[in-house]
Amino acid sequence: MNKIDNNKSNKTADNNLYAAQSHLYGKIWIWTAAVLLLFVPIAICVYYDAWPGFQPVFKGLLGVAPIFWTVGTIEVITFTPMLGTGGSYLGFVTGNLTNLKVPAALNAMEAVKVKPGTPEGEVVSTIAVATSSLVTTVVIGAGVLLLAQLTPVLNSPVLQPAFENILPSLFGGLAVVYVGKNWKIALVPLLFMLVLFLLVPSLASSVGILVPVGALISIGAARILYKRNKL
């Protein structure tokens, strides 16, 4: 029993050390990325000696910042439990979470049969997000180098429908797996969103804001079903 307890204690200590180091390096890279992003407009202003002033910048931010801040906050709350510590820091530094990082992490965890929020899920999610970031960087680099040659192909009318349906097909594939496993929980938010978008099609551009709404509906439906012994 003492050996088992010692192993559990060592495993817990290792997990805590991993989490602490992930937070340390994650914060360093998050703030480094933020500073570098701010340096770009500052460098342009310094080079051209053109400073827009506070009022124009404030007016510009007033139109877009509340939307991005809201979506950013929602993504942190929604995606962090899925990605784990390392995956979240990597994902938010490299970006493109909804379209790429989250599906990659969920698909990887599903493939190796681990759950989000577990130490195993943490490792798999981090590897998946890191691999996705590297592949994306390579693809973007190749695209930049071959832009002139690829432009006629990418602008081809034959391929346009495919590009317009990449995101639905990506999440559709994931939805089949997760809806199939928990169809009772998924049915209520799915029907709610279908009716909502049919009645108000303009909300299609606000999907990011509606993600937590769907999550809350799923939690409420799961709670009711559990209380009624339907799960």
C-alpha atoms as a PDB file:
ATOM      1  CA  MET A   1       0.000   0.000   0.000  1.00  0.00           C
ATOM      2  CA  ASN A   2       2.836   2.381   0.820  1.00  0.00           C
ATOM      3  CA  LYS A   3       4.373   1.791  -2.619  1.00  0.00           C
ATOM      4  CA  ILE A   4       1.051   2.554  -4.331  1.00  0.00           C
ATOM      5  CA  ASP A   5       0.576   5.666  -2.218  1.00  0.00           C
ATOM      6  CA  ASN A   6       4.107   6.803  -3.036  1.00  0.00           C
ATOM      7  CA  ASN A   7       3.495   6.275  -6.747  1.00  0.00           C
ATOM      8  CA  LYS A   8       0.279   8.292  -6.580  1.00  0.00           C
ATOM      9  CA  SER A   9       2.047  11.018  -4.622  1.00  0.00           C
ATOM     10  CA  ASN A  10       4.898  11.156  -7.139  1.00  0.00           C
ATOM     11  CA  LYS A  11       2.454  11.238 -10.040  1.00  0.00           C
ATOM     12  CA  THR A  12       0.521  14.090  -8.434  1.00  0.00           C
ATOM     13  CA  ALA A  13       3.743  15.994  -7.791  1.00  0.00           C
ATOM     14  CA  ASP A  14       4.817  15.495 -11.415  1.00  0.00           C
ATOM     15  CA  ASN A  15       1.442  16.705 -12.662  1.00  0.00           C
ATOM     16  CA  ASN A  16       1.607  19.784 -10.448  1.00  0.00           C
ATOM     17  CA  LEU A  17       5.159  20.539 -11.622  1.00  0.00           C
ATOM     18  CA  TYR A  18       4.091  20.135 -15.258  1.00  0.00           C
ATOM     19  CA  ALA A  19       1.124  22.458 -14.752  1.00  0.00           C
ATOM     20  CA  ALA A  20       3.268  25.073 -12.984  1.00  0.00           C
ATOM     21  CA  GLN A  21       5.899  25.040 -15.735  1.00  0.00           C
ATOM     22  CA  SER A  22       3.195  25.167 -18.425  1.00  0.00           C
ATOM     23  CA  HIS A  23       1.701  28.270 -16.795  1.00  0.00           C
ATOM     24  CA  LEU A  24       5.136  29.889 -16.448  1.00  0.00           C
ATOM     25  CA  TYR A  25       6.244  29.382 -20.053  1.00  0.00           C
ATOM     26  CA  GLY A  26       2.727  29.953 -21.345  1.00  0.00           C
ATOM     27  CA  LYS A  27       2.518  33.381 -19.712  1.00  0.00           C
ATOM     28  CA  ILE A  28       5.950  34.294 -21.056  1.00  0.00           C
ATOM     29  CA  TRP A  29       4.959  33.432 -24.631  1.00  0.00           C
ATOM     30  CA  ILE A  30       1.508  35.031 -24.341  1.00  0.00           C
ATOM     31  CA  TRP A  31       2.980  38.364 -23.223  1.00  0.00           C
ATOM     32  CA  THR A  32       5.829  38.085 -25.737  1.00  0.00           C
ATOM     33  CA  ALA A  33       3.292  37.627 -28.532  1.00  0.00           C
ATOM     34  CA  ALA A  34       1.223  40.564 -27.256  1.00  0.00           C
ATOM     35  CA  VAL A  35       4.277  42.842 -27.156  1.00  0.00           C
ATOM     36  CA  LEU A  36       5.372  41.788 -30.649  1.00  0.00           C
ATOM     37  CA  LEU A  37       1.888  42.452 -32.027  1.00  0.00           C
ATOM     38  CA  LEU A  38       1.901  45.944 -30.513  1.00  0.00           C
ATOM     39  CA  PHE A  39       5.406  46.620 -31.822  1.00  0.00           C
ATOM     40  CA  VAL A  40       4.242  46.311 -35.444  1.00  0.00           C
ATOM     41  CA  PRO A  41       1.988  49.419 -35.495  1.00  0.00           C
ATOM     42  CA  ILE A  42       4.420  51.271 -33.204  1.00  0.00           C
ATOM     43  CA  ALA A  43       7.335  50.497 -35.553  1.00  0.00           C
ATOM     44  CA  ILE A  44       5.288  51.733 -38.533  1.00  0.00           C
ATOM     45  CA  CYS A  45       4.437  54.960 -36.704  1.00  0.00           C
ATOM     46  CA  VAL A  46       8.078  55.499 -35.752  1.00  0.00           C
ATOM     47  CA  TYR A  47       9.371  54.780 -39.259  1.00  0.00           C
ATOM     48  CA  TYR A  48       6.925  57.106 -41.027  1.00  0.00           C
ATOM     49  CA  ASP A  49       6.711  59.577 -38.130  1.00  0.00           C
ATOM     50  CA  ALA A  50       2.929  59.369 -38.332  1.00  0.00           C
ATOM     51  CA  TRP A  51       1.007  59.127 -35.067  1.00  0.00           C
ATOM     52  CA  PRO A  52      -2.788  58.924 -35.382  1.00  0.00           C
ATOM     53  CA  GLY A  53      -3.491  60.268 -31.902  1.00  0.00           C
ATOM     54  CA  PHE A  54      -5.682  58.885 -29.151  1.00  0.00           C
ATOM     55  CA  GLN A  55      -9.095  59.932 -30.468  1.00  0.00           C
ATOM     56  CA  PRO A  56      -8.917  58.197 -33.899  1.00  0.00           C
ATOM     57  CA  VAL A  57      -7.489  55.052 -32.313  1.00  0.00           C
ATOM     58  CA  PHE A  58     -10.228  55.061 -29.676  1.00  0.00           C
ATOM     59  CA  LYS A  59     -12.943  55.511 -32.313  1.00  0.00           C
ATOM     60  CA  GLY A  60     -11.518  52.656 -34.353  1.00  0.00           C
ATOM     61  CA  LEU A  61     -11.300  50.379 -31.329  1.00  0.00           C
ATOM     62  CA  LEU A  62     -14.813  51.274 -30.216  1.00  0.00           C
ATOM     63  CA  GLY A  63     -16.254  49.653 -33.331  1.00  0.00           C
ATOM     64  CA  VAL A  64     -14.366  46.344 -33.215  1.00  0.00           C
ATOM     65  CA  ALA A  65     -12.766  45.832 -29.796  1.00  0.00           C
ATOM     66  CA  PRO A  66     -15.967  44.957 -27.854  1.00  0.00           C
ATOM     67  CA  ILE A  67     -16.752  42.175 -30.348  1.00  0.00           C
ATOM     68  CA  PHE A  68     -13.249  40.711 -30.268  1.00  0.00           C
ATOM     69  CA  TRP A  69     -12.980  41.049 -26.492  1.00  0.00           C
ATOM     70  CA  THR A  70     -16.321  39.303 -26.045  1.00  0.00           C
ATOM     71  CA  VAL A  71     -15.439  36.466 -28.419  1.00  0.00           C
ATOM     72  CA  GLY A  72     -11.965  36.190 -26.864  1.00  0.00           C
ATOM     73  CA  THR A  73     -13.409  35.878 -23.367  1.00  0.00           C
ATOM     74  CA  ILE A  74     -15.938  33.305 -24.549  1.00  0.00           C
ATOM     75  CA  GLU A  75     -13.219  31.266 -26.259  1.00  0.00           C
ATOM     76  CA  VAL A  76     -11.079  31.200 -23.106  1.00  0.00           C
ATOM     77  CA  ILE A  77     -14.012  29.984 -21.006  1.00  0.00           C
ATOM     78  CA  THR A  78     -15.198  27.456 -23.596  1.00  0.00           C
ATOM     79  CA  PHE A  79     -11.985  26.081 -25.084  1.00  0.00           C
ATOM     80  CA  THR A  80      -9.625  25.972 -22.093  1.00  0.00           C
ATOM     81  CA  PRO A  81     -11.344  22.952 -20.452  1.00  0.00           C
ATOM     82  CA  MET A  82     -11.103  21.138 -23.809  1.00  0.00           C
ATOM     83  CA  LEU A  83      -7.476  21.955 -24.595  1.00  0.00           C
ATOM     84  CA  GLY A  84      -5.904  21.857 -21.146  1.00  0.00           C
ATOM     85  CA  THR A  85      -3.099  24.101 -19.911  1.00  0.00           C
ATOM     86  CA  GLY A  86      -0.396  23.551 -22.525  1.00  0.00           C
ATOM     87  CA  GLY A  87      -2.820  23.278 -25.430  1.00  0.00           C
ATOM     88  CA  SER A  88      -4.592  26.485 -24.412  1.00  0.00           C
ATOM     89  CA  TYR A  89      -1.420  28.557 -24.241  1.00  0.00           C
ATOM     90  CA  LEU A  90      -0.191  27.163 -27.556  1.00  0.00           C
ATOM     91  CA  GLY A  91      -3.579  27.624 -29.166  1.00  0.00           C
ATOM     92  CA  PHE A  92      -4.103  31.206 -28.035  1.00  0.00           C
ATOM     93  CA  VAL A  93      -0.564  32.220 -29.063  1.00  0.00           C
ATOM     94  CA  THR A  94      -0.787  30.659 -32.534  1.00  0.00           C
ATOM     95  CA  GLY A  95      -4.483  31.435 -33.072  1.00  0.00           C
ATOM     96  CA  ASN A  96      -7.136  29.846 -35.302  1.00  0.00           C
ATOM     97  CA  LEU A  97      -8.645  27.851 -32.445  1.00  0.00           C
ATOM     98  CA  THR A  98     -12.189  27.331 -33.709  1.00  0.00           C
ATOM     99  CA  ASN A  99     -11.180  26.348 -37.236  1.00  0.00           C
ATOM    100  CA  LEU A 100      -8.143  24.218 -36.484  1.00  0.00           C
ATOM    101  CA  LYS A 101      -6.685  23.848 -32.995  1.00  0.00           C
ATOM    102  CA  VAL A 102      -9.813  22.687 -31.127  1.00  0.00           C
ATOM    103  CA  PRO A 103     -10.895  20.152 -33.799  1.00  0.00           C
ATOM    104  CA  ALA A 104      -7.323  18.822 -33.973  1.00  0.00           C
ATOM    105  CA  ALA A 105      -7.118  18.378 -30.196  1.00  0.00           C
ATOM    106  CA  LEU A 106     -10.572  16.797 -29.880  1.00  0.00           C
ATOM    107  CA  ASN A 107      -9.922  14.444 -32.786  1.00  0.00           C
ATOM    108  CA  ALA A 108      -6.556  13.386 -31.326  1.00  0.00           C
ATOM    109  CA  MET A 109      -8.047  12.704 -27.892  1.00  0.00           C
ATOM    110  CA  GLU A 110     -10.880  10.759 -29.474  1.00  0.00           C
ATOM    111  CA  ALA A 111      -8.407   8.698 -31.535  1.00  0.00           C
ATOM    112  CA  VAL A 112      -6.377   7.593 -28.503  1.00  0.00           C
ATOM    113  CA  LYS A 113      -9.436   7.238 -26.228  1.00  0.00           C
ATOM    114  CA  VAL A 114      -8.550   9.829 -23.589  1.00  0.00           C
ATOM    115  CA  LYS A 115     -10.764  12.501 -22.076  1.00  0.00           C
ATOM    116  CA  PRO A 116     -10.244  16.260 -21.772  1.00  0.00           C
ATOM    117  CA  GLY A 117      -9.267  17.377 -18.297  1.00  0.00           C
ATOM    118  CA  THR A 118      -7.163  14.295 -17.561  1.00  0.00           C
ATOM    119  CA  PRO A 119      -3.330  14.213 -17.486  1.00  0.00           C
ATOM    120  CA  GLU A 120      -3.381  11.971 -20.558  1.00  0.00           C
ATOM    121  CA  GLY A 121      -5.769  14.314 -22.342  1.00  0.00           C
ATOM    122  CA  GLU A 122      -3.535  17.254 -21.429  1.00  0.00           C
ATOM    123  CA  VAL A 123      -0.498  15.652 -23.082  1.00  0.00           C
ATOM    124  CA  VAL A 124      -2.365  14.507 -26.200  1.00  0.00           C
ATOM    125  CA  SER A 125      -4.046  17.906 -26.616  1.00  0.00           C
ATOM    126  CA  THR A 126      -0.739  19.762 -26.302  1.00  0.00           C
ATOM    127  CA  ILE A 127       0.946  17.496 -28.873  1.00  0.00           C
ATOM    128  CA  ALA A 128      -2.009  17.859 -31.254  1.00  0.00           C
ATOM    129  CA  VAL A 129      -2.084  21.658 -31.008  1.00  0.00           C
ATOM    130  CA  ALA A 130       1.712  21.888 -31.383  1.00  0.00           C
ATOM    131  CA  THR A 131       1.679  19.596 -34.430  1.00  0.00           C
ATOM    132  CA  SER A 132      -1.207  21.541 -35.932  1.00  0.00           C
ATOM    133  CA  SER A 133       0.713  24.803 -35.444  1.00  0.00           C
ATOM    134  CA  LEU A 134       3.835  23.417 -37.119  1.00  0.00           C
ATOM    135  CA  VAL A 135       1.876  22.002 -40.059  1.00  0.00           C
ATOM    136  CA  THR A 136       0.004  25.293 -40.457  1.00  0.00           C
ATOM    137  CA  THR A 137       3.274  27.232 -40.469  1.00  0.00           C
ATOM    138  CA  VAL A 138       4.735  24.936 -43.138  1.00  0.00           C
ATOM    139  CA  VAL A 139       1.579  25.174 -45.276  1.00  0.00           C
ATOM    140  CA  ILE A 140       1.442  28.971 -44.976  1.00  0.00           C
ATOM    141  CA  GLY A 141       5.156  29.213 -45.826  1.00  0.00           C
ATOM    142  CA  ALA A 142       4.669  27.034 -48.903  1.00  0.00           C
ATOM    143  CA  GLY A 143       1.621  29.073 -49.858  1.00  0.00           C
ATOM    144  CA  VAL A 144       3.557  32.347 -49.635  1.00  0.00           C
ATOM    145  CA  LEU A 145       6.440  30.969 -51.721  1.00  0.00           C
ATOM    146  CA  LEU A 146       4.102  29.484 -54.330  1.00  0.00           C
ATOM    147  CA  LEU A 147       1.446  32.207 -54.230  1.00  0.00           C
ATOM    148  CA  ALA A 148       1.794  33.193 -57.899  1.00  0.00           C
ATOM    149  CA  GLN A 149       1.548  29.583 -59.062  1.00  0.00           C
ATOM    150  CA  LEU A 150      -1.315  28.664 -56.706  1.00  0.00           C
ATOM    151  CA  THR A 151      -3.511  31.738 -57.219  1.00  0.00           C
ATOM    152  CA  PRO A 152      -5.200  30.512 -60.447  1.00  0.00           C
ATOM    153  CA  VAL A 153      -5.877  27.143 -58.815  1.00  0.00           C
ATOM    154  CA  LEU A 154      -7.234  28.574 -55.558  1.00  0.00           C
ATOM    155  CA  ASN A 155      -9.452  31.049 -57.429  1.00  0.00           C
ATOM    156  CA  SER A 156     -10.855  28.336 -59.646  1.00  0.00           C
ATOM    157  CA  PRO A 157     -14.688  28.282 -59.618  1.00  0.00           C
ATOM    158  CA  VAL A 158     -14.510  24.497 -59.298  1.00  0.00           C
ATOM    159  CA  LEU A 159     -12.754  24.712 -55.897  1.00  0.00           C
ATOM    160  CA  GLN A 160     -14.702  27.646 -54.434  1.00  0.00           C
ATOM    161  CA  PRO A 161     -17.577  25.500 -53.039  1.00  0.00           C
ATOM    162  CA  ALA A 162     -15.005  23.293 -51.284  1.00  0.00           C
ATOM    163  CA  PHE A 163     -13.304  26.263 -49.587  1.00  0.00           C
ATOM    164  CA  GLU A 164     -16.670  27.653 -48.481  1.00  0.00           C
ATOM    165  CA  ASN A 165     -17.596  24.388 -46.760  1.00  0.00           C
ATOM    166  CA  ILE A 166     -14.321  23.474 -45.035  1.00  0.00           C
ATOM    167  CA  LEU A 167     -15.495  24.539 -41.560  1.00  0.00           C
ATOM    168  CA  PRO A 168     -18.944  22.888 -41.740  1.00  0.00           C
ATOM    169  CA  SER A 169     -17.418  19.647 -43.012  1.00  0.00           C
ATOM    170  CA  LEU A 170     -14.746  19.711 -40.300  1.00  0.00           C
ATOM    171  CA  PHE A 171     -17.194  20.200 -37.444  1.00  0.00           C
ATOM    172  CA  GLY A 172     -19.734  17.943 -39.120  1.00  0.00           C
ATOM    173  CA  GLY A 173     -17.299  15.047 -38.907  1.00  0.00           C
ATOM    174  CA  LEU A 174     -16.641  15.757 -35.236  1.00  0.00           C
ATOM    175  CA  ALA A 175     -20.349  16.226 -34.542  1.00  0.00           C
ATOM    176  CA  VAL A 176     -21.162  12.758 -35.885  1.00  0.00           C
ATOM    177  CA  VAL A 177     -18.823  11.226 -33.302  1.00  0.00           C
ATOM    178  CA  TYR A 178     -19.911  13.282 -30.288  1.00  0.00           C
ATOM    179  CA  VAL A 179     -23.612  13.470 -31.141  1.00  0.00           C
ATOM    180  CA  GLY A 180     -23.614   9.709 -31.707  1.00  0.00           C
ATOM    181  CA  LYS A 181     -22.128   9.148 -28.248  1.00  0.00           C
ATOM    182  CA  ASN A 182     -24.405  11.609 -26.409  1.00  0.00           C
ATOM    183  CA  TRP A 183     -27.382  12.158 -28.700  1.00  0.00           C
ATOM    184  CA  LYS A 184     -29.809  12.798 -25.847  1.00  0.00           C
ATOM    185  CA  ILE A 185     -27.718  15.719 -24.582  1.00  0.00           C
ATOM    186  CA  ALA A 186     -26.930  17.008 -28.081  1.00  0.00           C
ATOM    187  CA  LEU A 187     -30.529  16.955 -29.320  1.00  0.00           C
ATOM    188  CA  VAL A 188     -31.807  19.945 -27.332  1.00  0.00           C
ATOM    189  CA  PRO A 189     -29.065  22.495 -28.221  1.00  0.00           C
ATOM    190  CA  LEU A 190     -29.020  21.193 -31.817  1.00  0.00           C
ATOM    191  CA  LEU A 191     -32.750  21.777 -32.273  1.00  0.00           C
ATOM    192  CA  PHE A 192     -32.535  25.142 -30.505  1.00  0.00           C
ATOM    193  CA  MET A 193     -29.737  26.371 -32.793  1.00  0.00           C
ATOM    194  CA  LEU A 194     -31.452  25.070 -35.932  1.00  0.00           C
ATOM    195  CA  VAL A 195     -34.663  26.912 -35.097  1.00  0.00           C
ATOM    196  CA  LEU A 196     -32.763  30.041 -34.055  1.00  0.00           C
ATOM    197  CA  PHE A 197     -30.730  30.257 -37.274  1.00  0.00           C
ATOM    198  CA  LEU A 198     -33.788  29.508 -39.421  1.00  0.00           C
ATOM    199  CA  LEU A 199     -35.750  32.294 -37.740  1.00  0.00           C
ATOM    200  CA  VAL A 200     -32.832  34.753 -37.556  1.00  0.00           C
ATOM    201  CA  PRO A 201     -30.331  33.941 -40.348  1.00  0.00           C
ATOM    202  CA  SER A 202     -28.306  37.084 -39.591  1.00  0.00           C
ATOM    203  CA  LEU A 203     -27.042  35.421 -36.396  1.00  0.00           C
ATOM    204  CA  ALA A 204     -24.836  33.150 -38.527  1.00  0.00           C
ATOM    205  CA  SER A 205     -22.107  35.788 -38.213  1.00  0.00           C
ATOM    206  CA  SER A 206     -22.285  35.607 -34.389  1.00  0.00           C
ATOM    207  CA  VAL A 207     -21.541  31.924 -33.958  1.00  0.00           C
ATOM    208  CA  GLY A 208     -18.655  32.606 -31.563  1.00  0.00           C
ATOM    209  CA  ILE A 209     -20.928  34.445 -29.139  1.00  0.00           C
ATOM    210  CA  LEU A 210     -23.574  31.698 -29.313  1.00  0.00           C
ATOM    211  CA  VAL A 211     -21.116  28.920 -28.380  1.00  0.00           C
ATOM    212  CA  PRO A 212     -21.524  29.453 -24.601  1.00  0.00           C
ATOM    213  CA  VAL A 213     -25.303  29.684 -25.100  1.00  0.00           C
ATOM    214  CA  GLY A 214     -25.258  26.221 -26.623  1.00  0.00           C
ATOM    215  CA  ALA A 215     -22.975  25.005 -23.831  1.00  0.00           C
ATOM    216  CA  LEU A 216     -25.353  26.306 -21.146  1.00  0.00           C
ATOM    217  CA  ILE A 217     -28.325  24.707 -22.901  1.00  0.00           C
ATOM    218  CA  SER A 218     -26.423  21.400 -23.073  1.00  0.00           C
ATOM    219  CA  ILE A 219     -25.575  21.571 -19.366  1.00  0.00           C
ATOM    220  CA  GLY A 220     -29.187  22.380 -18.478  1.00  0.00           C
ATOM    221  CA  ALA A 221     -30.538  19.572 -20.661  1.00  0.00           C
ATOM    222  CA  ALA A 222     -28.023  17.105 -19.212  1.00  0.00           C
ATOM    223  CA  ARG A 223     -28.987  18.129 -15.686  1.00  0.00           C
ATOM    224  CA  ILE A 224     -32.701  17.628 -16.350  1.00  0.00           C
ATOM    225  CA  LEU A 225     -32.129  14.258 -18.048  1.00  0.00           C
ATOM    226  CA  TYR A 226     -29.900  13.131 -15.190  1.00  0.00           C
ATOM    227  CA  LYS A 227     -32.490  14.107 -12.592  1.00  0.00           C
ATOM    228  CA  ARG A 228     -35.095  12.096 -14.492  1.00  0.00           C
ATOM    229  CA  ASN A 229     -32.767   9.068 -14.781  1.00  0.00           C
ATOM    230  CA  LYS A 230     -32.659   9.348 -18.579  1.00  0.00           C
ATOM    231  CA  LEU A 231     -28.833   9.247 -18.730  1.00  0.00           C
END
